[in-house]
């Protein structure tokens, strides 16, 4: 008999500017949103590993991570 001890989910999250402008303010807001996302994972004590974080020239950011949750 086998039992599952933990499950992993691979996510790719696309953080985008809500504004059409490519200003520094918009880019900073995207970075703040990413920081809030990481703090929320830490606060909820979610085990995670960031595989890649790609920043596009227009301020869009792709974050690929693995979430590991005990069952």
PDB file of N, CA and C in Angstrom:
ATOM      1  N   UNK A   1       0.837  -1.172   0.000  1.00  0.00           N
ATOM      2  CA  UNK A   1       0.000   0.000   0.000  1.00  0.00           C
ATOM      3  C   UNK A   1       0.891   1.248   0.000  1.00  0.00           C
ATOM      4  N   UNK A   2       0.508   2.238  -0.797  1.00  0.00           N
ATOM      5  CA  UNK A   2       1.281   3.478  -0.888  1.00  0.00           C
ATOM      6  C   UNK A   2       0.437   4.637  -0.382  1.00  0.00           C
ATOM      7  N   UNK A   3       1.104   5.574   0.252  1.00  0.00           N
ATOM      8  CA  UNK A   3       0.421   6.774   0.732  1.00  0.00           C
ATOM      9  C   UNK A   3       1.157   8.007   0.224  1.00  0.00           C
ATOM     10  N   UNK A   4       0.401   8.998  -0.130  1.00  0.00           N
ATOM     11  CA  UNK A   4       0.995  10.254  -0.593  1.00  0.00           C
ATOM     12  C   UNK A   4       1.271  11.127   0.624  1.00  0.00           C
ATOM     13  N   UNK A   5       2.519  11.540   0.780  1.00  0.00           N
ATOM     14  CA  UNK A   5       2.917  12.368   1.919  1.00  0.00           C
ATOM     15  C   UNK A   5       2.867  13.856   1.590  1.00  0.00           C
ATOM     16  N   UNK A   6       3.135  14.218   0.336  1.00  0.00           N
ATOM     17  CA  UNK A   6       3.136  15.633  -0.047  1.00  0.00           C
ATOM     18  C   UNK A   6       2.818  15.740  -1.532  1.00  0.00           C
ATOM     19  N   UNK A   7       2.331  16.907  -1.922  1.00  0.00           N
ATOM     20  CA  UNK A   7       2.018  17.165  -3.329  1.00  0.00           C
ATOM     21  C   UNK A   7       2.732  18.438  -3.768  1.00  0.00           C
ATOM     22  N   UNK A   8       3.181  18.454  -5.005  1.00  0.00           N
ATOM     23  CA  UNK A   8       3.871  19.623  -5.547  1.00  0.00           C
ATOM     24  C   UNK A   8       3.082  20.180  -6.726  1.00  0.00           C
ATOM     25  N   UNK A   9       3.044  21.492  -6.807  1.00  0.00           N
ATOM     26  CA  UNK A   9       2.382  22.180  -7.909  1.00  0.00           C
ATOM     27  C   UNK A   9       3.396  23.123  -8.538  1.00  0.00           C
ATOM     28  N   UNK A  10       3.553  23.030  -9.841  1.00  0.00           N
ATOM     29  CA  UNK A  10       4.408  23.978 -10.555  1.00  0.00           C
ATOM     30  C   UNK A  10       3.519  25.072 -11.127  1.00  0.00           C
ATOM     31  N   UNK A  11       3.867  26.313 -10.823  1.00  0.00           N
ATOM     32  CA  UNK A  11       3.082  27.452 -11.284  1.00  0.00           C
ATOM     33  C   UNK A  11       3.950  28.382 -12.107  1.00  0.00           C
ATOM     34  N   UNK A  12       3.354  28.972 -13.117  1.00  0.00           N
ATOM     35  CA  UNK A  12       3.964  30.080 -13.837  1.00  0.00           C
ATOM     36  C   UNK A  12       3.015  31.257 -13.690  1.00  0.00           C
ATOM     37  N   UNK A  13       3.481  32.302 -13.031  1.00  0.00           N
ATOM     38  CA  UNK A  13       2.648  33.464 -12.751  1.00  0.00           C
ATOM     39  C   UNK A  13       3.153  34.631 -13.587  1.00  0.00           C
ATOM     40  N   UNK A  14       2.237  35.314 -14.248  1.00  0.00           N
ATOM     41  CA  UNK A  14       2.566  36.445 -15.117  1.00  0.00           C
ATOM     42  C   UNK A  14       2.089  37.716 -14.425  1.00  0.00           C
ATOM     43  N   UNK A  15       3.027  38.476 -13.867  1.00  0.00           N
ATOM     44  CA  UNK A  15       2.704  39.753 -13.236  1.00  0.00           C
ATOM     45  C   UNK A  15       2.782  40.823 -14.317  1.00  0.00           C
ATOM     46  N   UNK A  16       1.687  41.547 -14.529  1.00  0.00           N
ATOM     47  CA  UNK A  16       1.643  42.532 -15.607  1.00  0.00           C
ATOM     48  C   UNK A  16       1.311  43.913 -15.056  1.00  0.00           C
ATOM     49  N   UNK A  17       1.677  44.924 -15.855  1.00  0.00           N
ATOM     50  CA  UNK A  17       1.300  46.298 -15.532  1.00  0.00           C
ATOM     51  C   UNK A  17      -0.188  46.470 -15.773  1.00  0.00           C
ATOM     52  N   UNK A  18      -0.839  47.158 -14.873  1.00  0.00           N
ATOM     53  CA  UNK A  18      -2.253  47.463 -15.088  1.00  0.00           C
ATOM     54  C   UNK A  18      -2.393  48.683 -15.981  1.00  0.00           C
ATOM     55  N   UNK A  19      -1.348  49.490 -16.025  1.00  0.00           N
ATOM     56  CA  UNK A  19      -1.339  50.671 -16.888  1.00  0.00           C
ATOM     57  C   UNK A  19      -0.697  50.310 -18.218  1.00  0.00           C
ATOM     58  N   UNK A  20      -1.025  51.059 -19.226  1.00  0.00           N
ATOM     59  CA  UNK A  20      -0.417  50.843 -20.537  1.00  0.00           C
ATOM     60  C   UNK A  20       0.978  51.463 -20.587  1.00  0.00           C
ATOM     61  N   UNK A  21       1.228  52.428 -19.721  1.00  0.00           N
ATOM     62  CA  UNK A  21       2.510  53.129 -19.736  1.00  0.00           C
ATOM     63  C   UNK A  21       3.629  52.209 -19.279  1.00  0.00           C
ATOM     64  N   UNK A  22       4.817  52.522 -19.708  1.00  0.00           N
ATOM     65  CA  UNK A  22       5.997  51.737 -19.332  1.00  0.00           C
ATOM     66  C   UNK A  22       6.877  52.543 -18.385  1.00  0.00           C
ATOM     67  N   UNK A  23       6.267  53.274 -17.477  1.00  0.00           N
ATOM     68  CA  UNK A  23       7.002  54.156 -16.582  1.00  0.00           C
ATOM     69  C   UNK A  23       7.674  53.361 -15.468  1.00  0.00           C
ATOM     70  N   UNK A  24       8.586  54.020 -14.792  1.00  0.00           N
ATOM     71  CA  UNK A  24       9.276  53.408 -13.657  1.00  0.00           C
ATOM     72  C   UNK A  24       8.286  53.122 -12.528  1.00  0.00           C
ATOM     73  N   UNK A  25       7.290  53.973 -12.400  1.00  0.00           N
ATOM     74  CA  UNK A  25       6.267  53.764 -11.372  1.00  0.00           C
ATOM     75  C   UNK A  25       5.536  52.438 -11.598  1.00  0.00           C
ATOM     76  N   UNK A  26       5.167  52.161 -12.834  1.00  0.00           N
ATOM     77  CA  UNK A  26       4.468  50.910 -13.156  1.00  0.00           C
ATOM     78  C   UNK A  26       5.351  49.699 -12.889  1.00  0.00           C
ATOM     79  N   UNK A  27       6.622  49.810 -13.254  1.00  0.00           N
ATOM     80  CA  UNK A  27       7.552  48.703 -13.011  1.00  0.00           C
ATOM     81  C   UNK A  27       7.735  48.468 -11.516  1.00  0.00           C
ATOM     82  N   UNK A  28       7.791  49.561 -10.740  1.00  0.00           N
ATOM     83  CA  UNK A  28       7.953  49.439  -9.296  1.00  0.00           C
ATOM     84  C   UNK A  28       6.723  48.783  -8.670  1.00  0.00           C
ATOM     85  N   UNK A  29       5.527  49.107  -9.181  1.00  0.00           N
ATOM     86  CA  UNK A  29       4.299  48.499  -8.672  1.00  0.00           C
ATOM     87  C   UNK A  29       4.279  46.985  -8.914  1.00  0.00           C
ATOM     88  N   UNK A  30       4.781  46.554 -10.065  1.00  0.00           N
ATOM     89  CA  UNK A  30       4.854  45.120 -10.357  1.00  0.00           C
ATOM     90  C   UNK A  30       5.810  44.444  -9.380  1.00  0.00           C
ATOM     91  N   UNK A  31       6.961  45.071  -9.114  1.00  0.00           N
ATOM     92  CA  UNK A  31       7.916  44.502  -8.162  1.00  0.00           C
ATOM     93  C   UNK A  31       7.317  44.429  -6.758  1.00  0.00           C
ATOM     94  N   UNK A  32       6.550  45.439  -6.370  1.00  0.00           N
ATOM     95  CA  UNK A  32       5.893  45.414  -5.063  1.00  0.00           C
ATOM     96  C   UNK A  32       4.873  44.282  -4.984  1.00  0.00           C
ATOM     97  N   UNK A  33       4.172  44.032  -6.069  1.00  0.00           N
ATOM     98  CA  UNK A  33       3.193  42.943  -6.098  1.00  0.00           C
ATOM     99  C   UNK A  33       3.883  41.587  -5.946  1.00  0.00           C
ATOM    100  N   UNK A  34       5.039  41.427  -6.567  1.00  0.00           N
ATOM    101  CA  UNK A  34       5.808  40.186  -6.430  1.00  0.00           C
ATOM    102  C   UNK A  34       6.273  40.012  -4.994  1.00  0.00           C
ATOM    103  N   UNK A  35       6.739  41.093  -4.385  1.00  0.00           N
ATOM    104  CA  UNK A  35       7.182  41.041  -2.994  1.00  0.00           C
ATOM    105  C   UNK A  35       6.032  40.656  -2.071  1.00  0.00           C
ATOM    106  N   UNK A  36       4.842  41.223  -2.290  1.00  0.00           N
ATOM    107  CA  UNK A  36       3.670  40.863  -1.484  1.00  0.00           C
ATOM    108  C   UNK A  36       3.320  39.386  -1.663  1.00  0.00           C
ATOM    109  N   UNK A  37       3.435  38.880  -2.881  1.00  0.00           N
ATOM    110  CA  UNK A  37       3.146  37.468  -3.147  1.00  0.00           C
ATOM    111  C   UNK A  37       4.104  36.564  -2.357  1.00  0.00           C
ATOM    112  N   UNK A  38       5.386  36.900  -2.368  1.00  0.00           N
ATOM    113  CA  UNK A  38       6.375  36.090  -1.643  1.00  0.00           C
ATOM    114  C   UNK A  38       6.164  36.177  -0.134  1.00  0.00           C
ATOM    115  N   UNK A  39       5.829  37.368   0.379  1.00  0.00           N
ATOM    116  CA  UNK A  39       5.560  37.515   1.811  1.00  0.00           C
ATOM    117  C   UNK A  39       4.328  36.712   2.233  1.00  0.00           C
ATOM    118  N   UNK A  40       3.316  36.661   1.358  1.00  0.00           N
ATOM    119  CA  UNK A  40       2.120  35.883   1.667  1.00  0.00           C
ATOM    120  C   UNK A  40       2.454  34.393   1.759  1.00  0.00           C
ATOM    121  N   UNK A  41       3.309  33.919   0.859  1.00  0.00           N
ATOM    122  CA  UNK A  41       3.726  32.515   0.927  1.00  0.00           C
ATOM    123  C   UNK A  41       4.476  32.243   2.224  1.00  0.00           C
ATOM    124  N   UNK A  42       5.355  33.182   2.615  1.00  0.00           N
ATOM    125  CA  UNK A  42       6.100  33.012   3.861  1.00  0.00           C
ATOM    126  C   UNK A  42       5.177  33.065   5.076  1.00  0.00           C
ATOM    127  N   UNK A  43       4.235  33.996   5.065  1.00  0.00           N
ATOM    128  CA  UNK A  43       3.317  34.162   6.189  1.00  0.00           C
ATOM    129  C   UNK A  43       2.452  32.917   6.377  1.00  0.00           C
ATOM    130  N   UNK A  44       2.046  32.300   5.275  1.00  0.00           N
ATOM    131  CA  UNK A  44       1.227  31.092   5.348  1.00  0.00           C
ATOM    132  C   UNK A  44       2.068  29.834   5.534  1.00  0.00           C
ATOM    133  N   UNK A  45       3.389  30.022   5.639  1.00  0.00           N
ATOM    134  CA  UNK A  45       4.350  28.929   5.844  1.00  0.00           C
ATOM    135  C   UNK A  45       4.262  27.882   4.740  1.00  0.00           C
ATOM    136  N   UNK A  46       4.088  28.358   3.519  1.00  0.00           N
ATOM    137  CA  UNK A  46       4.055  27.486   2.351  1.00  0.00           C
ATOM    138  C   UNK A  46       5.485  27.216   1.907  1.00  0.00           C
ATOM    139  N   UNK A  47       5.818  25.966   1.744  1.00  0.00           N
ATOM    140  CA  UNK A  47       7.146  25.628   1.234  1.00  0.00           C
ATOM    141  C   UNK A  47       7.143  25.857  -0.269  1.00  0.00           C
ATOM    142  N   UNK A  48       8.099  26.646  -0.747  1.00  0.00           N
ATOM    143  CA  UNK A  48       8.155  26.948  -2.175  1.00  0.00           C
ATOM    144  C   UNK A  48       9.603  27.136  -2.603  1.00  0.00           C
ATOM    145  N   UNK A  49       9.816  27.046  -3.888  1.00  0.00           N
ATOM    146  CA  UNK A  49      11.134  27.269  -4.475  1.00  0.00           C
ATOM    147  C   UNK A  49      10.921  28.017  -5.783  1.00  0.00           C
ATOM    148  N   UNK A  50      11.582  29.152  -5.929  1.00  0.00           N
ATOM    149  CA  UNK A  50      11.493  29.933  -7.159  1.00  0.00           C
ATOM    150  C   UNK A  50      12.445  29.303  -8.176  1.00  0.00           C
ATOM    151  N   UNK A  51      11.900  28.812  -9.279  1.00  0.00           N
ATOM    152  CA  UNK A  51      12.723  28.207 -10.324  1.00  0.00           C
ATOM    153  C   UNK A  51      13.316  29.260 -11.245  1.00  0.00           C
ATOM    154  N   UNK A  52      12.501  30.235 -11.631  1.00  0.00           N
ATOM    155  CA  UNK A  52      13.001  31.307 -12.496  1.00  0.00           C
ATOM    156  C   UNK A  52      12.146  32.547 -12.307  1.00  0.00           C
ATOM    157  N   UNK A  53      12.777  33.680 -12.542  1.00  0.00           N
ATOM    158  CA  UNK A  53      12.086  34.966 -12.477  1.00  0.00           C
ATOM    159  C   UNK A  53      12.610  35.802 -13.636  1.00  0.00           C
ATOM    160  N   UNK A  54      11.797  35.926 -14.682  1.00  0.00           N
ATOM    161  CA  UNK A  54      12.206  36.626 -15.897  1.00  0.00           C
ATOM    162  C   UNK A  54      11.524  37.985 -15.967  1.00  0.00           C
ATOM    163  N   UNK A  55      12.330  39.035 -16.148  1.00  0.00           N
ATOM    164  CA  UNK A  55      11.799  40.388 -16.260  1.00  0.00           C
ATOM    165  C   UNK A  55      11.867  40.808 -17.719  1.00  0.00           C
ATOM    166  N   UNK A  56      10.715  41.157 -18.279  1.00  0.00           N
ATOM    167  CA  UNK A  56      10.646  41.640 -19.656  1.00  0.00           C
ATOM    168  C   UNK A  56      11.020  43.124 -19.682  1.00  0.00           C
ATOM    169  N   UNK A  57      11.341  43.642 -20.850  1.00  0.00           N
ATOM    170  CA  UNK A  57      11.746  45.044 -20.960  1.00  0.00           C
ATOM    171  C   UNK A  57      10.598  46.011 -20.694  1.00  0.00           C
ATOM    172  N   UNK A  58       9.363  45.568 -20.877  1.00  0.00           N
ATOM    173  CA  UNK A  58       8.217  46.446 -20.633  1.00  0.00           C
ATOM    174  C   UNK A  58       7.710  46.365 -19.199  1.00  0.00           C
ATOM    175  N   UNK A  59       8.419  45.635 -18.344  1.00  0.00           N
ATOM    176  CA  UNK A  59       8.060  45.568 -16.934  1.00  0.00           C
ATOM    177  C   UNK A  59       7.277  44.336 -16.539  1.00  0.00           C
ATOM    178  N   UNK A  60       6.851  43.520 -17.502  1.00  0.00           N
ATOM    179  CA  UNK A  60       6.152  42.287 -17.177  1.00  0.00           C
ATOM    180  C   UNK A  60       7.145  41.317 -16.544  1.00  0.00           C
ATOM    181  N   UNK A  61       6.675  40.511 -15.607  1.00  0.00           N
ATOM    182  CA  UNK A  61       7.547  39.558 -14.924  1.00  0.00           C
ATOM    183  C   UNK A  61       6.875  38.189 -14.939  1.00  0.00           C
ATOM    184  N   UNK A  62       7.650  37.172 -15.301  1.00  0.00           N
ATOM    185  CA  UNK A  62       7.203  35.785 -15.238  1.00  0.00           C
ATOM    186  C   UNK A  62       7.936  35.120 -14.079  1.00  0.00           C
ATOM    187  N   UNK A  63       7.189  34.536 -13.158  1.00  0.00           N
ATOM    188  CA  UNK A  63       7.774  33.820 -12.030  1.00  0.00           C
ATOM    189  C   UNK A  63       7.322  32.373 -12.131  1.00  0.00           C
ATOM    190  N   UNK A  64       8.285  31.460 -12.152  1.00  0.00           N
ATOM    191  CA  UNK A  64       7.960  30.036 -12.161  1.00  0.00           C
ATOM    192  C   UNK A  64       8.431  29.464 -10.836  1.00  0.00           C
ATOM    193  N   UNK A  65       7.513  28.831 -10.102  1.00  0.00           N
ATOM    194  CA  UNK A  65       7.865  28.294  -8.802  1.00  0.00           C
ATOM    195  C   UNK A  65       7.205  26.943  -8.578  1.00  0.00           C
ATOM    196  N   UNK A  66       7.686  26.259  -7.538  1.00  0.00           N
ATOM    197  CA  UNK A  66       7.123  24.977  -7.114  1.00  0.00           C
ATOM    198  C   UNK A  66       6.579  25.172  -5.709  1.00  0.00           C
ATOM    199  N   UNK A  67       5.321  24.817  -5.509  1.00  0.00           N
ATOM    200  CA  UNK A  67       4.707  24.854  -4.190  1.00  0.00           C
ATOM    201  C   UNK A  67       4.610  23.429  -3.674  1.00  0.00           C
ATOM    202  N   UNK A  68       5.062  23.210  -2.444  1.00  0.00           N
ATOM    203  CA  UNK A  68       5.001  21.880  -1.854  1.00  0.00           C
ATOM    204  C   UNK A  68       4.115  21.950  -0.620  1.00  0.00           C
ATOM    205  N   UNK A  69       3.039  21.213  -0.647  1.00  0.00           N
ATOM    206  CA  UNK A  69       2.075  21.207   0.449  1.00  0.00           C
ATOM    207  C   UNK A  69       2.006  19.817   1.068  1.00  0.00           C
ATOM    208  N   UNK A  70       2.139  19.721   2.387  1.00  0.00           N
ATOM    209  CA  UNK A  70       1.923  18.419   3.018  1.00  0.00           C
ATOM    210  C   UNK A  70       0.450  18.044   2.974  1.00  0.00           C
ATOM    211  N   UNK A  71       0.198  16.769   2.829  1.00  0.00           N
ATOM    212  CA  UNK A  71      -1.198  16.303   2.761  1.00  0.00           C
ATOM    213  C   UNK A  71      -1.588  15.690   4.086  1.00  0.00           C
TER     214      UNK A  71
END
